[in-house]
PDB file of all heavy atoms in Angstrom:
ATOM      1  N   ASN A   1      84.408   8.783  82.061  1.00  0.00           N
ATOM      2  CA  ASN A   1      85.644   8.500  82.778  1.00  0.00           C
ATOM      3  C   ASN A   1      86.827   8.695  81.839  1.00  0.00           C
ATOM      4  O   ASN A   1      86.670   9.053  80.693  1.00  0.00           O
ATOM      5  CB  ASN A   1      85.614   7.084  83.364  1.00  0.00           C
ATOM      6  CG  ASN A   1      85.536   6.013  82.309  1.00  0.00           C
ATOM      7  OD1 ASN A   1      86.149   6.109  81.256  1.00  0.00           O
ATOM      8  ND2 ASN A   1      84.776   4.969  82.581  1.00  0.00           N
ATOM      9  N   GLY A   2      88.000   8.434  82.325  1.00  0.00           N
ATOM     10  CA  GLY A   2      89.202   8.665  81.533  1.00  0.00           C
ATOM     11  C   GLY A   2      89.751   7.412  80.881  1.00  0.00           C
ATOM     12  O   GLY A   2      90.926   7.352  80.568  1.00  0.00           O
ATOM     13  N   PHE A   3      88.916   6.374  80.679  1.00  0.00           N
ATOM     14  CA  PHE A   3      89.396   5.131  80.080  1.00  0.00           C
ATOM     15  C   PHE A   3      89.967   5.381  78.694  1.00  0.00           C
ATOM     16  O   PHE A   3      89.369   6.084  77.890  1.00  0.00           O
ATOM     17  CB  PHE A   3      88.265   4.099  80.000  1.00  0.00           C
ATOM     18  CG  PHE A   3      88.711   2.777  79.458  1.00  0.00           C
ATOM     19  CD1 PHE A   3      89.385   1.885  80.266  1.00  0.00           C
ATOM     20  CD2 PHE A   3      88.478   2.442  78.137  1.00  0.00           C
ATOM     21  CE1 PHE A   3      89.813   0.661  79.771  1.00  0.00           C
ATOM     22  CE2 PHE A   3      88.911   1.227  77.623  1.00  0.00           C
ATOM     23  CZ  PHE A   3      89.578   0.332  78.445  1.00  0.00           C
ATOM     24  N   GLN A   4      91.134   4.806  78.436  1.00  0.00           N
ATOM     25  CA  GLN A   4      91.798   4.953  77.144  1.00  0.00           C
ATOM     26  C   GLN A   4      91.958   3.573  76.509  1.00  0.00           C
ATOM     27  O   GLN A   4      92.474   2.656  77.146  1.00  0.00           O
ATOM     28  CB  GLN A   4      93.188   5.576  77.316  1.00  0.00           C
ATOM     29  CG  GLN A   4      93.180   6.979  77.821  1.00  0.00           C
ATOM     30  CD  GLN A   4      92.787   7.965  76.743  1.00  0.00           C
ATOM     31  OE1 GLN A   4      93.108   7.809  75.585  1.00  0.00           O
ATOM     32  NE2 GLN A   4      92.055   8.986  77.146  1.00  0.00           N
ATOM     33  N   TYR A   5      91.551   3.425  75.277  1.00  0.00           N
ATOM     34  CA  TYR A   5      91.748   2.191  74.535  1.00  0.00           C
ATOM     35  C   TYR A   5      93.149   2.168  73.939  1.00  0.00           C
ATOM     36  O   TYR A   5      93.725   3.207  73.636  1.00  0.00           O
ATOM     37  CB  TYR A   5      90.728   2.084  73.396  1.00  0.00           C
ATOM     38  CG  TYR A   5      89.326   1.842  73.875  1.00  0.00           C
ATOM     39  CD1 TYR A   5      88.462   2.915  74.072  1.00  0.00           C
ATOM     40  CD2 TYR A   5      88.875   0.560  74.148  1.00  0.00           C
ATOM     41  CE1 TYR A   5      87.172   2.712  74.525  1.00  0.00           C
ATOM     42  CE2 TYR A   5      87.580   0.335  74.601  1.00  0.00           C
ATOM     43  CZ  TYR A   5      86.726   1.408  74.787  1.00  0.00           C
ATOM     44  OH  TYR A   5      85.465   1.210  75.231  1.00  0.00           O
ATOM     45  N   GLY A   6      93.681   0.972  73.767  1.00  0.00           N
ATOM     46  CA  GLY A   6      94.918   0.810  73.020  1.00  0.00           C
ATOM     47  C   GLY A   6      96.204   0.969  73.809  1.00  0.00           C
ATOM     48  O   GLY A   6      97.268   1.040  73.207  1.00  0.00           O
ATOM     49  N   ILE A   7      96.149   1.034  75.120  1.00  0.00           N
ATOM     50  CA  ILE A   7      97.387   1.097  75.892  1.00  0.00           C
ATOM     51  C   ILE A   7      98.040  -0.275  75.825  1.00  0.00           C
ATOM     52  O   ILE A   7      97.420  -1.286  76.138  1.00  0.00           O
ATOM     53  CB  ILE A   7      97.130   1.524  77.348  1.00  0.00           C
ATOM     54  CG1 ILE A   7      96.629   2.975  77.370  1.00  0.00           C
ATOM     55  CG2 ILE A   7      98.385   1.362  78.199  1.00  0.00           C
ATOM     56  CD1 ILE A   7      96.285   3.504  78.734  1.00  0.00           C
ATOM     57  N   THR A   8      99.281  -0.307  75.388  1.00  0.00           N
ATOM     58  CA  THR A   8      99.954  -1.584  75.147  1.00  0.00           C
ATOM     59  C   THR A   8     101.215  -1.752  75.982  1.00  0.00           C
ATOM     60  O   THR A   8     102.131  -2.460  75.579  1.00  0.00           O
ATOM     61  CB  THR A   8     100.308  -1.710  73.650  1.00  0.00           C
ATOM     62  OG1 THR A   8     101.143  -0.620  73.291  1.00  0.00           O
ATOM     63  CG2 THR A   8      99.072  -1.734  72.784  1.00  0.00           C
ATOM     64  N   MET A   9     101.287  -1.140  77.121  1.00  0.00           N
ATOM     65  CA  MET A   9     102.472  -1.247  77.971  1.00  0.00           C
ATOM     66  C   MET A   9     102.572  -2.681  78.501  1.00  0.00           C
ATOM     67  O   MET A   9     101.620  -3.213  79.051  1.00  0.00           O
ATOM     68  CB  MET A   9     102.375  -0.252  79.119  1.00  0.00           C
ATOM     69  CG  MET A   9     103.599  -0.250  80.012  1.00  0.00           C
ATOM     70  SD  MET A   9     103.559   1.096  81.193  1.00  0.00           S
ATOM     71  CE  MET A   9     104.043   2.429  80.137  1.00  0.00           C
ATOM     72  N   THR A  10     103.728  -3.306  78.314  1.00  0.00           N
ATOM     73  CA  THR A  10     103.893  -4.687  78.756  1.00  0.00           C
ATOM     74  C   THR A  10     104.644  -4.790  80.077  1.00  0.00           C
ATOM     75  O   THR A  10     104.380  -5.696  80.860  1.00  0.00           O
ATOM     76  CB  THR A  10     104.632  -5.511  77.684  1.00  0.00           C
ATOM     77  OG1 THR A  10     105.876  -4.882  77.395  1.00  0.00           O
ATOM     78  CG2 THR A  10     103.798  -5.615  76.421  1.00  0.00           C
ATOM     79  N   ASP A  11     105.574  -3.896  80.342  1.00  0.00           N
ATOM     80  CA  ASP A  11     106.347  -3.934  81.594  1.00  0.00           C
ATOM     81  C   ASP A  11     105.718  -2.974  82.595  1.00  0.00           C
ATOM     82  O   ASP A  11     105.846  -1.757  82.468  1.00  0.00           O
ATOM     83  CB  ASP A  11     107.801  -3.542  81.331  1.00  0.00           C
ATOM     84  CG  ASP A  11     108.648  -3.608  82.589  1.00  0.00           C
ATOM     85  OD1 ASP A  11     108.165  -4.104  83.637  1.00  0.00           O
ATOM     86  OD2 ASP A  11     109.808  -3.145  82.535  1.00  0.00           O
ATOM     87  N   VAL A  12     105.021  -3.523  83.563  1.00  0.00           N
ATOM     88  CA  VAL A  12     104.338  -2.690  84.561  1.00  0.00           C
ATOM     89  C   VAL A  12     104.959  -2.862  85.948  1.00  0.00           C
ATOM     90  O   VAL A  12     104.283  -2.767  86.967  1.00  0.00           O
ATOM     91  CB  VAL A  12     102.813  -2.973  84.587  1.00  0.00           C
ATOM     92  CG1 VAL A  12     102.169  -2.496  83.309  1.00  0.00           C
ATOM     93  CG2 VAL A  12     102.537  -4.449  84.826  1.00  0.00           C
ATOM     94  N   THR A  13     106.258  -3.077  85.974  1.00  0.00           N
ATOM     95  CA  THR A  13     106.984  -3.166  87.237  1.00  0.00           C
ATOM     96  C   THR A  13     107.629  -1.812  87.514  1.00  0.00           C
ATOM     97  O   THR A  13     108.467  -1.346  86.740  1.00  0.00           O
ATOM     98  CB  THR A  13     108.081  -4.251  87.159  1.00  0.00           C
ATOM     99  OG1 THR A  13     107.480  -5.478  86.776  1.00  0.00           O
ATOM    100  CG2 THR A  13     108.781  -4.404  88.494  1.00  0.00           C
ATOM    101  N   PRO A  14     107.240  -1.164  88.639  1.00  0.00           N
ATOM    102  CA  PRO A  14     107.825   0.148  88.936  1.00  0.00           C
ATOM    103  C   PRO A  14     109.297   0.036  89.325  1.00  0.00           C
ATOM    104  O   PRO A  14     109.716  -0.941  89.943  1.00  0.00           O
ATOM    105  CB  PRO A  14     106.992   0.659  90.111  1.00  0.00           C
ATOM    106  CG  PRO A  14     106.393  -0.553  90.726  1.00  0.00           C
ATOM    107  CD  PRO A  14     106.268  -1.582  89.643  1.00  0.00           C
ATOM    108  N   VAL A  15     110.068   1.036  88.943  1.00  0.00           N
ATOM    109  CA  VAL A  15     111.479   1.121  89.313  1.00  0.00           C
ATOM    110  C   VAL A  15     111.631   2.086  90.488  1.00  0.00           C
ATOM    111  O   VAL A  15     112.365   1.815  91.427  1.00  0.00           O
ATOM    112  CB  VAL A  15     112.333   1.588  88.107  1.00  0.00           C
ATOM    113  CG1 VAL A  15     113.777   1.829  88.515  1.00  0.00           C
ATOM    114  CG2 VAL A  15     112.239   0.577  86.972  1.00  0.00           C
ATOM    115  N   LYS A  16     110.928   3.219  90.428  1.00  0.00           N
ATOM    116  CA  LYS A  16     111.013   4.246  91.470  1.00  0.00           C
ATOM    117  C   LYS A  16     109.993   3.951  92.567  1.00  0.00           C
ATOM    118  O   LYS A  16     108.847   3.583  92.305  1.00  0.00           O
ATOM    119  CB  LYS A  16     110.758   5.639  90.897  1.00  0.00           C
ATOM    120  CG  LYS A  16     111.751   6.050  89.833  1.00  0.00           C
ATOM    121  CD  LYS A  16     113.145   6.148  90.429  1.00  0.00           C
ATOM    122  CE  LYS A  16     114.154   6.566  89.374  1.00  0.00           C
ATOM    123  NZ  LYS A  16     115.476   6.774  89.926  1.00  0.00           N
ATOM    124  N   SER A  17     110.401   4.136  93.805  1.00  0.00           N
ATOM    125  CA  SER A  17     109.533   3.864  94.945  1.00  0.00           C
ATOM    126  C   SER A  17     108.523   4.987  95.164  1.00  0.00           C
ATOM    127  O   SER A  17     108.715   6.115  94.682  1.00  0.00           O
ATOM    128  CB  SER A  17     110.368   3.698  96.212  1.00  0.00           C
ATOM    129  OG  SER A  17     110.934   4.951  96.580  1.00  0.00           O
ATOM    130  N   LEU A  18     107.487   4.667  95.900  1.00  0.00           N
ATOM    131  CA  LEU A  18     106.503   5.680  96.284  1.00  0.00           C
ATOM    132  C   LEU A  18     107.185   6.772  97.110  1.00  0.00           C
ATOM    133  O   LEU A  18     106.914   7.957  96.919  1.00  0.00           O
ATOM    134  CB  LEU A  18     105.357   5.051  97.070  1.00  0.00           C
ATOM    135  CG  LEU A  18     104.353   6.018  97.677  1.00  0.00           C
ATOM    136  CD1 LEU A  18     103.663   6.850  96.603  1.00  0.00           C
ATOM    137  CD2 LEU A  18     103.334   5.263  98.512  1.00  0.00           C
ATOM    138  N   ALA A  19     108.085   6.392  97.990  1.00  0.00           N
ATOM    139  CA  ALA A  19     108.777   7.380  98.838  1.00  0.00           C
ATOM    140  C   ALA A  19     109.575   8.375  97.998  1.00  0.00           C
ATOM    141  O   ALA A  19     109.549   9.578  98.272  1.00  0.00           O
ATOM    142  CB  ALA A  19     109.692   6.671  99.831  1.00  0.00           C
ATOM    143  N   SER A  20     110.255   7.899  96.957  1.00  0.00           N
ATOM    144  CA  SER A  20     111.026   8.835  96.130  1.00  0.00           C
ATOM    145  C   SER A  20     110.108   9.711  95.289  1.00  0.00           C
ATOM    146  O   SER A  20     110.390  10.892  95.092  1.00  0.00           O
ATOM    147  CB  SER A  20     112.034   8.099  95.252  1.00  0.00           C
ATOM    148  OG  SER A  20     111.419   7.437  94.181  1.00  0.00           O
ATOM    149  N   ALA A  21     108.985   9.165  94.820  1.00  0.00           N
ATOM    150  CA  ALA A  21     108.019   9.974  94.063  1.00  0.00           C
ATOM    151  C   ALA A  21     107.420  11.052  94.961  1.00  0.00           C
ATOM    152  O   ALA A  21     107.300  12.208  94.563  1.00  0.00           O
ATOM    153  CB  ALA A  21     106.921   9.085  93.486  1.00  0.00           C
ATOM    154  N   ARG A  22     107.056  10.673  96.179  1.00  0.00           N
ATOM    155  CA  ARG A  22     106.484  11.638  97.127  1.00  0.00           C
ATOM    156  C   ARG A  22     107.487  12.739  97.431  1.00  0.00           C
ATOM    157  O   ARG A  22     107.144  13.921  97.442  1.00  0.00           O
ATOM    158  CB  ARG A  22     106.076  10.944  98.422  1.00  0.00           C
ATOM    159  CG  ARG A  22     105.469  11.908  99.433  1.00  0.00           C
ATOM    160  CD  ARG A  22     105.228  11.294 100.803  1.00  0.00           C
ATOM    161  NE  ARG A  22     104.293  10.197 100.767  1.00  0.00           N
ATOM    162  CZ  ARG A  22     104.595   8.930 101.098  1.00  0.00           C
ATOM    163  NH1 ARG A  22     105.821   8.618 101.482  1.00  0.00           N
ATOM    164  NH2 ARG A  22     103.682   7.999 101.055  1.00  0.00           N
ATOM    165  N   GLN A  23     108.738  12.373  97.658  1.00  0.00           N
ATOM    166  CA  GLN A  23     109.765  13.366  97.976  1.00  0.00           C
ATOM    167  C   GLN A  23     109.975  14.325  96.813  1.00  0.00           C
ATOM    168  O   GLN A  23     110.161  15.521  97.021  1.00  0.00           O
ATOM    169  CB  GLN A  23     111.078  12.683  98.357  1.00  0.00           C
ATOM    170  CG  GLN A  23     112.125  13.652  98.844  1.00  0.00           C
ATOM    171  CD  GLN A  23     111.631  14.492 100.019  1.00  0.00           C
ATOM    172  OE1 GLN A  23     111.117  13.970 100.998  1.00  0.00           O
ATOM    173  NE2 GLN A  23     111.781  15.808  99.918  1.00  0.00           N
ATOM    174  N   GLN A  24     109.918  13.820  95.598  1.00  0.00           N
ATOM    175  CA  GLN A  24     110.092  14.695  94.435  1.00  0.00           C
ATOM    176  C   GLN A  24     108.962  15.717  94.361  1.00  0.00           C
ATOM    177  O   GLN A  24     109.198  16.896  94.103  1.00  0.00           O
ATOM    178  CB  GLN A  24     110.124  13.881  93.150  1.00  0.00           C
ATOM    179  CG  GLN A  24     110.333  14.765  91.948  1.00  0.00           C
ATOM    180  CD  GLN A  24     110.603  13.977  90.691  1.00  0.00           C
ATOM    181  OE1 GLN A  24     110.637  12.773  90.692  1.00  0.00           O
ATOM    182  NE2 GLN A  24     110.798  14.688  89.604  1.00  0.00           N
ATOM    183  N   VAL A  25     107.720  15.287  94.599  1.00  0.00           N
ATOM    184  CA  VAL A  25     106.581  16.209  94.560  1.00  0.00           C
ATOM    185  C   VAL A  25     106.704  17.251  95.668  1.00  0.00           C
ATOM    186  O   VAL A  25     106.536  18.449  95.434  1.00  0.00           O
ATOM    187  CB  VAL A  25     105.247  15.441  94.676  1.00  0.00           C
ATOM    188  CG1 VAL A  25     104.073  16.395  94.841  1.00  0.00           C
ATOM    189  CG2 VAL A  25     105.046  14.540  93.465  1.00  0.00           C
ATOM    190  N   LEU A  26     107.012  16.806  96.878  1.00  0.00           N
ATOM    191  CA  LEU A  26     107.130  17.737  98.000  1.00  0.00           C
ATOM    192  C   LEU A  26     108.273  18.724  97.785  1.00  0.00           C
ATOM    193  O   LEU A  26     108.133  19.910  98.090  1.00  0.00           O
ATOM    194  CB  LEU A  26     107.306  16.976  99.307  1.00  0.00           C
ATOM    195  CG  LEU A  26     106.114  16.124  99.740  1.00  0.00           C
ATOM    196  CD1 LEU A  26     106.428  15.392 101.041  1.00  0.00           C
ATOM    197  CD2 LEU A  26     104.853  16.938  99.854  1.00  0.00           C
ATOM    198  N   SER A  27     109.380  18.256  97.249  1.00  0.00           N
ATOM    199  CA  SER A  27     110.508  19.156  96.962  1.00  0.00           C
ATOM    200  C   SER A  27     110.111  20.189  95.916  1.00  0.00           C
ATOM    201  O   SER A  27     110.465  21.363  96.044  1.00  0.00           O
ATOM    202  CB  SER A  27     111.720  18.365  96.469  1.00  0.00           C
ATOM    203  OG  SER A  27     112.209  17.546  97.485  1.00  0.00           O
ATOM    204  N   HIS A  28     109.386  19.749  94.899  1.00  0.00           N
ATOM    205  CA  HIS A  28     108.950  20.678  93.851  1.00  0.00           C
ATOM    206  C   HIS A  28     108.061  21.780  94.431  1.00  0.00           C
ATOM    207  O   HIS A  28     108.154  22.936  94.034  1.00  0.00           O
ATOM    208  CB  HIS A  28     108.208  19.912  92.755  1.00  0.00           C
ATOM    209  CG  HIS A  28     107.817  20.764  91.599  1.00  0.00           C
ATOM    210  ND1 HIS A  28     108.696  21.074  90.583  1.00  0.00           N
ATOM    211  CD2 HIS A  28     106.660  21.390  91.299  1.00  0.00           C
ATOM    212  CE1 HIS A  28     108.086  21.858  89.712  1.00  0.00           C
ATOM    213  NE2 HIS A  28     106.849  22.059  90.120  1.00  0.00           N
ATOM    214  N   LEU A  29     107.186  21.403  95.368  1.00  0.00           N
ATOM    215  CA  LEU A  29     106.284  22.380  95.997  1.00  0.00           C
ATOM    216  C   LEU A  29     106.907  23.076  97.208  1.00  0.00           C
ATOM    217  O   LEU A  29     106.282  23.952  97.814  1.00  0.00           O
ATOM    218  CB  LEU A  29     104.988  21.695  96.430  1.00  0.00           C
ATOM    219  CG  LEU A  29     104.090  21.195  95.306  1.00  0.00           C
ATOM    220  CD1 LEU A  29     102.939  20.377  95.876  1.00  0.00           C
ATOM    221  CD2 LEU A  29     103.563  22.358  94.487  1.00  0.00           C
ATOM    222  N   ARG A  30     108.116  22.664  97.563  1.00  0.00           N
ATOM    223  CA  ARG A  30     108.819  23.200  98.741  1.00  0.00           C
ATOM    224  C   ARG A  30     108.006  22.985 100.018  1.00  0.00           C
ATOM    225  O   ARG A  30     107.799  23.909 100.819  1.00  0.00           O
ATOM    226  CB  ARG A  30     109.182  24.659  98.548  1.00  0.00           C
ATOM    227  CG  ARG A  30     110.155  24.834  97.407  1.00  0.00           C
ATOM    228  CD  ARG A  30     110.584  26.240  97.244  1.00  0.00           C
ATOM    229  NE  ARG A  30     111.520  26.276  96.109  1.00  0.00           N
ATOM    230  CZ  ARG A  30     111.792  27.350  95.441  1.00  0.00           C
ATOM    231  NH1 ARG A  30     111.255  28.485  95.759  1.00  0.00           N
ATOM    232  NH2 ARG A  30     112.622  27.302  94.438  1.00  0.00           N
ATOM    233  N   LEU A  31     107.539  21.739 100.189  1.00  0.00           N
ATOM    234  CA  LEU A  31     106.768  21.342 101.370  1.00  0.00           C
ATOM    235  C   LEU A  31     107.509  20.238 102.103  1.00  0.00           C
ATOM    236  O   LEU A  31     108.387  19.585 101.545  1.00  0.00           O
ATOM    237  CB  LEU A  31     105.380  20.820 100.958  1.00  0.00           C
ATOM    238  CG  LEU A  31     104.433  21.784 100.270  1.00  0.00           C
ATOM    239  CD1 LEU A  31     103.197  21.039  99.780  1.00  0.00           C
ATOM    240  CD2 LEU A  31     104.041  22.907 101.204  1.00  0.00           C
ATOM    241  N   THR A  32     107.121  20.011 103.356  1.00  0.00           N
ATOM    242  CA  THR A  32     107.629  18.877 104.122  1.00  0.00           C
ATOM    243  C   THR A  32     106.486  17.900 104.349  1.00  0.00           C
ATOM    244  O   THR A  32     105.313  18.238 104.184  1.00  0.00           O
ATOM    245  CB  THR A  32     108.183  19.324 105.487  1.00  0.00           C
ATOM    246  OG1 THR A  32     107.095  19.824 106.282  1.00  0.00           O
ATOM    247  CG2 THR A  32     109.261  20.388 105.335  1.00  0.00           C
ATOM    248  N   THR A  33     106.832  16.695 104.758  1.00  0.00           N
ATOM    249  CA  THR A  33     105.795  15.684 105.005  1.00  0.00           C
ATOM    250  C   THR A  33     104.843  16.117 106.111  1.00  0.00           C
ATOM    251  O   THR A  33     103.696  15.693 106.132  1.00  0.00           O
ATOM    252  CB  THR A  33     106.416  14.322 105.361  1.00  0.00           C
ATOM    253  OG1 THR A  33     107.309  14.490 106.463  1.00  0.00           O
ATOM    254  CG2 THR A  33     107.159  13.738 104.190  1.00  0.00           C
TER     255      THR A  33
END
């Protein structure tokens, strides 16, 4: 699997929404929902 040891990220609160992430990917691929 892709398990990685030593990840030390302490702030795991997302700032960007799923909707904005999805829109960025779709825009990059020039697709619509």
